[in-house]
């Protein structure tokens, strides 16, 4: 197995080298090997109640969320398992049963 660092954006272990850059095949993020330590951030993502969230947590939606471009709605009380934290405005990547892959804002969920 290679000793390449995981992707700093999505934490994927399947990184590979391309010329002088490292590339993540899952999120297509590219970075230099010497920059990998600088990309680590200590940004804390918290839910609506102020609880610290981590990758793999289970959360519950606290508000009906309309899905843009669709007539579907994510209902209050929907449990979302195995979240992935990404940072940015919509800082949670997840898959919701019956809907599919989505990005959520942490202010609309609470930790279960």
N, C-alpha and C. Protein backbone atom coordinates (compact mmCIF):
# COMPACT_ATOMS: atom_id res chain seq x y z
N UNK A 1 0.84 -1.19 0.00
CA UNK A 1 0.00 0.00 0.00
C UNK A 1 0.88 1.24 0.00
N UNK A 2 0.40 2.31 -0.55
CA UNK A 2 1.19 3.53 -0.61
C UNK A 2 1.11 4.30 0.71
N UNK A 3 2.07 5.17 0.90
CA UNK A 3 2.10 5.98 2.11
C UNK A 3 1.71 7.42 1.81
N UNK A 4 0.81 7.60 0.83
CA UNK A 4 0.33 8.94 0.50
C UNK A 4 -0.72 9.37 1.52
N UNK A 5 -0.77 10.66 1.83
CA UNK A 5 -1.75 11.14 2.82
C UNK A 5 -3.16 11.11 2.24
N UNK A 6 -4.18 11.03 3.10
CA UNK A 6 -5.57 11.07 2.62
C UNK A 6 -5.91 12.46 2.10
N UNK A 7 -6.98 12.54 1.33
CA UNK A 7 -7.43 13.81 0.77
C UNK A 7 -7.79 14.77 1.90
N UNK A 8 -7.29 16.01 1.88
CA UNK A 8 -7.62 16.96 2.94
C UNK A 8 -9.06 17.47 2.86
N UNK A 9 -9.72 17.29 1.73
CA UNK A 9 -11.10 17.77 1.60
C UNK A 9 -12.12 16.73 2.02
N UNK A 10 -12.01 15.52 1.46
CA UNK A 10 -13.05 14.50 1.73
C UNK A 10 -12.52 13.34 2.56
N UNK A 11 -11.24 13.35 2.89
CA UNK A 11 -10.59 12.33 3.72
C UNK A 11 -10.52 10.96 3.06
N UNK A 12 -10.62 10.89 1.75
CA UNK A 12 -10.52 9.64 1.02
C UNK A 12 -9.10 9.11 1.09
N UNK A 13 -8.96 7.79 1.21
CA UNK A 13 -7.62 7.19 1.29
C UNK A 13 -7.09 6.80 -0.09
N UNK A 14 -7.85 7.01 -1.13
CA UNK A 14 -7.49 6.56 -2.48
C UNK A 14 -6.78 7.64 -3.30
N UNK A 15 -5.90 8.39 -2.70
CA UNK A 15 -5.17 9.44 -3.42
C UNK A 15 -4.08 8.82 -4.28
N UNK A 16 -3.70 9.54 -5.33
CA UNK A 16 -2.62 9.08 -6.19
C UNK A 16 -1.82 10.28 -6.68
N UNK A 17 -0.60 10.01 -7.16
CA UNK A 17 0.27 11.06 -7.65
C UNK A 17 0.07 11.27 -9.15
N UNK A 18 0.09 12.53 -9.55
CA UNK A 18 0.04 12.90 -10.96
C UNK A 18 1.02 14.05 -11.15
N UNK A 19 2.17 13.73 -11.74
CA UNK A 19 3.28 14.68 -11.88
C UNK A 19 3.71 15.15 -10.48
N UNK A 20 3.60 16.45 -10.19
CA UNK A 20 4.00 16.97 -8.89
C UNK A 20 2.82 17.10 -7.92
N UNK A 21 1.63 16.75 -8.37
CA UNK A 21 0.42 16.94 -7.58
C UNK A 21 -0.10 15.60 -7.04
N UNK A 22 -0.86 15.69 -5.96
CA UNK A 22 -1.64 14.56 -5.47
C UNK A 22 -3.08 14.80 -5.89
N UNK A 23 -3.80 13.73 -6.25
CA UNK A 23 -5.16 13.85 -6.76
C UNK A 23 -6.06 12.89 -6.00
N UNK A 24 -7.26 13.36 -5.68
CA UNK A 24 -8.28 12.51 -5.06
C UNK A 24 -9.27 12.10 -6.15
N UNK A 25 -9.46 10.80 -6.40
CA UNK A 25 -10.39 10.36 -7.44
C UNK A 25 -11.85 10.53 -7.05
N UNK A 26 -12.14 10.69 -5.77
CA UNK A 26 -13.54 10.79 -5.33
C UNK A 26 -14.09 12.20 -5.44
N UNK A 27 -13.30 13.21 -5.07
CA UNK A 27 -13.80 14.59 -5.11
C UNK A 27 -13.05 15.46 -6.12
N UNK A 28 -12.06 14.88 -6.82
CA UNK A 28 -11.26 15.56 -7.85
C UNK A 28 -10.44 16.73 -7.30
N UNK A 29 -10.14 16.72 -6.03
CA UNK A 29 -9.32 17.77 -5.43
C UNK A 29 -7.86 17.48 -5.71
N UNK A 30 -7.08 18.52 -6.03
CA UNK A 30 -5.65 18.40 -6.30
C UNK A 30 -4.87 19.29 -5.35
N UNK A 31 -3.73 18.80 -4.88
CA UNK A 31 -2.88 19.59 -3.99
C UNK A 31 -1.45 19.08 -4.10
N UNK A 32 -0.51 19.93 -3.67
CA UNK A 32 0.90 19.54 -3.67
C UNK A 32 1.19 18.78 -2.39
N UNK A 33 2.12 17.87 -2.46
CA UNK A 33 2.47 17.04 -1.31
C UNK A 33 2.97 17.88 -0.15
N UNK A 34 3.77 18.91 -0.40
CA UNK A 34 4.30 19.73 0.68
C UNK A 34 3.25 20.66 1.28
N UNK A 35 2.12 20.87 0.60
CA UNK A 35 1.04 21.72 1.11
C UNK A 35 0.04 20.95 1.97
N UNK A 36 0.17 19.64 2.06
CA UNK A 36 -0.85 18.84 2.74
C UNK A 36 -0.98 19.19 4.22
N UNK A 37 0.11 19.56 4.87
CA UNK A 37 0.01 19.91 6.29
C UNK A 37 -0.65 21.27 6.48
N UNK A 38 -0.51 22.17 5.52
CA UNK A 38 -1.11 23.50 5.62
C UNK A 38 -2.62 23.47 5.37
N UNK A 39 -3.11 22.43 4.69
CA UNK A 39 -4.52 22.36 4.35
C UNK A 39 -5.39 21.83 5.49
N UNK A 40 -4.75 21.23 6.50
CA UNK A 40 -5.52 20.73 7.63
C UNK A 40 -6.12 21.91 8.39
N UNK A 41 -7.42 21.90 8.56
CA UNK A 41 -8.07 22.99 9.29
C UNK A 41 -8.67 22.46 10.57
N UNK A 42 -8.79 23.32 11.54
CA UNK A 42 -9.39 22.96 12.81
C UNK A 42 -10.78 23.55 12.93
N UNK A 43 -11.45 23.73 11.80
CA UNK A 43 -12.79 24.29 11.79
C UNK A 43 -13.75 23.29 12.44
N UNK A 44 -14.46 23.75 13.45
CA UNK A 44 -15.43 22.90 14.13
C UNK A 44 -16.80 23.14 13.52
N UNK A 45 -17.48 22.07 13.19
CA UNK A 45 -18.83 22.17 12.65
C UNK A 45 -19.78 21.70 13.74
N UNK A 46 -20.73 22.56 14.07
CA UNK A 46 -21.67 22.27 15.15
C UNK A 46 -23.10 22.22 14.63
N UNK A 47 -23.94 21.45 15.31
CA UNK A 47 -25.35 21.34 14.90
C UNK A 47 -26.16 22.51 15.46
N UNK A 48 -27.47 22.48 15.30
CA UNK A 48 -28.34 23.57 15.73
C UNK A 48 -28.31 23.77 17.25
N UNK A 49 -28.00 22.71 18.01
CA UNK A 49 -27.94 22.81 19.47
C UNK A 49 -26.55 23.10 19.99
N UNK A 50 -25.57 23.22 19.11
CA UNK A 50 -24.21 23.53 19.53
C UNK A 50 -23.34 22.32 19.77
N UNK A 51 -23.83 21.12 19.47
CA UNK A 51 -23.04 19.91 19.65
C UNK A 51 -22.04 19.77 18.50
N UNK A 52 -20.84 19.32 18.82
CA UNK A 52 -19.79 19.15 17.83
C UNK A 52 -20.10 17.93 16.96
N UNK A 53 -20.05 18.10 15.63
CA UNK A 53 -20.31 17.01 14.70
C UNK A 53 -18.99 16.42 14.21
N UNK A 54 -19.03 15.13 13.85
CA UNK A 54 -17.86 14.45 13.32
C UNK A 54 -18.29 13.57 12.15
N UNK A 55 -17.34 13.18 11.32
CA UNK A 55 -17.64 12.27 10.22
C UNK A 55 -18.21 10.96 10.78
N UNK A 56 -19.25 10.46 10.12
CA UNK A 56 -19.86 9.20 10.53
C UNK A 56 -20.98 9.34 11.53
N UNK A 57 -21.25 10.53 12.01
CA UNK A 57 -22.35 10.75 12.97
C UNK A 57 -23.71 10.52 12.31
N UNK A 58 -24.71 10.33 13.16
CA UNK A 58 -26.10 10.28 12.73
C UNK A 58 -26.78 11.55 13.21
N UNK A 59 -27.50 12.22 12.31
CA UNK A 59 -28.18 13.46 12.65
C UNK A 59 -29.66 13.36 12.28
N UNK A 60 -30.46 14.26 12.87
CA UNK A 60 -31.88 14.34 12.60
C UNK A 60 -32.21 15.73 12.08
N UNK A 61 -33.01 15.80 11.03
CA UNK A 61 -33.41 17.08 10.44
C UNK A 61 -34.44 17.73 11.36
N UNK A 62 -34.29 19.05 11.64
CA UNK A 62 -35.18 19.74 12.59
C UNK A 62 -36.17 20.67 11.91
N UNK A 63 -36.16 20.72 10.58
CA UNK A 63 -37.04 21.61 9.84
C UNK A 63 -37.33 20.99 8.48
N UNK A 64 -38.57 21.16 7.96
CA UNK A 64 -38.87 20.71 6.61
C UNK A 64 -37.97 21.46 5.64
N UNK A 65 -37.28 20.72 4.78
CA UNK A 65 -36.36 21.32 3.82
C UNK A 65 -36.82 21.02 2.40
N UNK A 66 -37.18 22.06 1.66
CA UNK A 66 -37.55 21.89 0.26
C UNK A 66 -36.30 21.62 -0.55
N UNK A 67 -36.41 20.70 -1.50
CA UNK A 67 -35.28 20.37 -2.36
C UNK A 67 -35.38 21.20 -3.62
N UNK A 68 -34.38 22.01 -3.86
CA UNK A 68 -34.37 22.92 -5.00
C UNK A 68 -34.45 22.13 -6.31
N UNK A 69 -35.35 22.54 -7.19
CA UNK A 69 -35.51 21.89 -8.48
C UNK A 69 -36.32 20.62 -8.43
N UNK A 70 -37.01 20.38 -7.33
CA UNK A 70 -37.80 19.16 -7.17
C UNK A 70 -39.03 19.47 -6.33
N UNK A 71 -40.01 18.59 -6.39
CA UNK A 71 -41.19 18.77 -5.56
C UNK A 71 -41.07 18.00 -4.25
N UNK A 72 -39.94 17.33 -4.04
CA UNK A 72 -39.74 16.56 -2.82
C UNK A 72 -39.36 17.45 -1.65
N UNK A 73 -39.62 16.94 -0.44
CA UNK A 73 -39.30 17.65 0.80
C UNK A 73 -38.64 16.67 1.76
N UNK A 74 -37.59 17.12 2.43
CA UNK A 74 -37.00 16.34 3.52
C UNK A 74 -37.78 16.73 4.77
N UNK A 75 -38.50 15.78 5.34
CA UNK A 75 -39.41 16.05 6.45
C UNK A 75 -38.67 16.19 7.78
N UNK A 76 -39.30 16.89 8.72
CA UNK A 76 -38.79 17.00 10.08
C UNK A 76 -38.69 15.61 10.67
N UNK A 77 -37.59 15.33 11.38
CA UNK A 77 -37.43 14.03 12.02
C UNK A 77 -36.72 13.00 11.16
N UNK A 78 -36.39 13.33 9.93
CA UNK A 78 -35.67 12.39 9.06
C UNK A 78 -34.28 12.16 9.63
N UNK A 79 -33.93 10.89 9.84
CA UNK A 79 -32.61 10.55 10.35
C UNK A 79 -31.66 10.33 9.19
N UNK A 80 -30.49 10.91 9.30
CA UNK A 80 -29.46 10.80 8.27
C UNK A 80 -28.25 10.15 8.92
N UNK A 81 -27.85 8.99 8.41
CA UNK A 81 -26.75 8.24 8.98
C UNK A 81 -25.47 8.46 8.19
N UNK A 82 -24.35 8.32 8.87
CA UNK A 82 -23.02 8.32 8.26
C UNK A 82 -22.76 9.59 7.44
N UNK A 83 -22.80 10.73 8.10
CA UNK A 83 -22.56 12.00 7.41
C UNK A 83 -21.07 12.20 7.16
N UNK A 84 -20.75 13.07 6.20
CA UNK A 84 -19.37 13.46 5.94
C UNK A 84 -19.30 14.98 5.99
N UNK A 85 -18.40 15.53 6.80
CA UNK A 85 -18.26 16.97 6.94
C UNK A 85 -17.32 17.50 5.87
N UNK A 86 -17.74 18.61 5.22
CA UNK A 86 -16.95 19.13 4.11
C UNK A 86 -16.51 20.57 4.30
N UNK A 87 -17.16 21.34 5.14
CA UNK A 87 -16.86 22.75 5.26
C UNK A 87 -17.63 23.54 4.22
N UNK A 88 -17.54 24.85 4.27
CA UNK A 88 -18.27 25.67 3.33
C UNK A 88 -19.67 25.99 3.82
N UNK A 89 -20.52 26.46 2.92
CA UNK A 89 -21.88 26.85 3.29
C UNK A 89 -22.74 25.64 3.62
N UNK A 90 -22.83 24.69 2.71
CA UNK A 90 -23.52 23.43 2.96
C UNK A 90 -22.45 22.44 3.40
N UNK A 91 -22.30 22.28 4.71
CA UNK A 91 -21.13 21.61 5.24
C UNK A 91 -21.31 20.14 5.58
N UNK A 92 -22.43 19.53 5.18
CA UNK A 92 -22.65 18.10 5.43
C UNK A 92 -23.00 17.43 4.11
N UNK A 93 -22.24 16.39 3.75
CA UNK A 93 -22.57 15.52 2.61
C UNK A 93 -23.21 14.27 3.18
N UNK A 94 -24.30 13.82 2.56
CA UNK A 94 -24.99 12.64 3.08
C UNK A 94 -25.84 12.01 1.99
N UNK A 95 -26.36 10.83 2.31
CA UNK A 95 -27.34 10.17 1.46
C UNK A 95 -28.59 9.98 2.30
N UNK A 96 -29.73 10.43 1.77
CA UNK A 96 -31.00 10.31 2.48
C UNK A 96 -31.83 9.24 1.78
N UNK A 97 -32.35 8.29 2.55
CA UNK A 97 -33.16 7.21 1.99
C UNK A 97 -34.35 7.78 1.24
N UNK A 98 -34.56 7.31 0.02
CA UNK A 98 -35.68 7.74 -0.80
C UNK A 98 -35.43 9.01 -1.58
N UNK A 99 -34.33 9.70 -1.29
CA UNK A 99 -34.03 10.96 -1.98
C UNK A 99 -32.69 10.87 -2.69
N UNK A 100 -31.65 10.43 -2.01
CA UNK A 100 -30.33 10.29 -2.61
C UNK A 100 -29.31 11.19 -1.97
N UNK A 101 -28.23 11.45 -2.70
CA UNK A 101 -27.13 12.26 -2.18
C UNK A 101 -27.55 13.72 -2.08
N UNK A 102 -27.18 14.35 -0.97
CA UNK A 102 -27.53 15.75 -0.72
C UNK A 102 -26.44 16.42 0.08
N UNK A 103 -26.48 17.74 0.06
CA UNK A 103 -25.67 18.57 0.95
C UNK A 103 -26.63 19.30 1.87
N UNK A 104 -26.32 19.32 3.16
CA UNK A 104 -27.16 19.98 4.15
C UNK A 104 -26.36 21.02 4.91
N UNK A 105 -27.06 21.99 5.46
CA UNK A 105 -26.45 22.96 6.36
C UNK A 105 -26.56 22.40 7.78
N UNK A 106 -25.51 22.57 8.54
CA UNK A 106 -25.49 22.03 9.90
C UNK A 106 -26.49 22.73 10.82
N UNK A 107 -26.95 23.94 10.46
CA UNK A 107 -27.89 24.65 11.32
C UNK A 107 -29.30 24.05 11.24
N UNK A 108 -29.55 23.13 10.32
CA UNK A 108 -30.86 22.49 10.18
C UNK A 108 -30.89 21.05 10.67
N UNK A 109 -29.86 20.62 11.39
CA UNK A 109 -29.81 19.26 11.91
C UNK A 109 -29.42 19.29 13.39
N UNK A 110 -29.75 18.20 14.08
CA UNK A 110 -29.27 18.01 15.45
C UNK A 110 -28.68 16.61 15.54
N UNK A 111 -27.69 16.47 16.39
CA UNK A 111 -26.99 15.19 16.55
C UNK A 111 -27.90 14.20 17.26
N UNK A 112 -27.92 12.98 16.77
CA UNK A 112 -28.77 11.92 17.39
C UNK A 112 -27.93 11.02 18.26
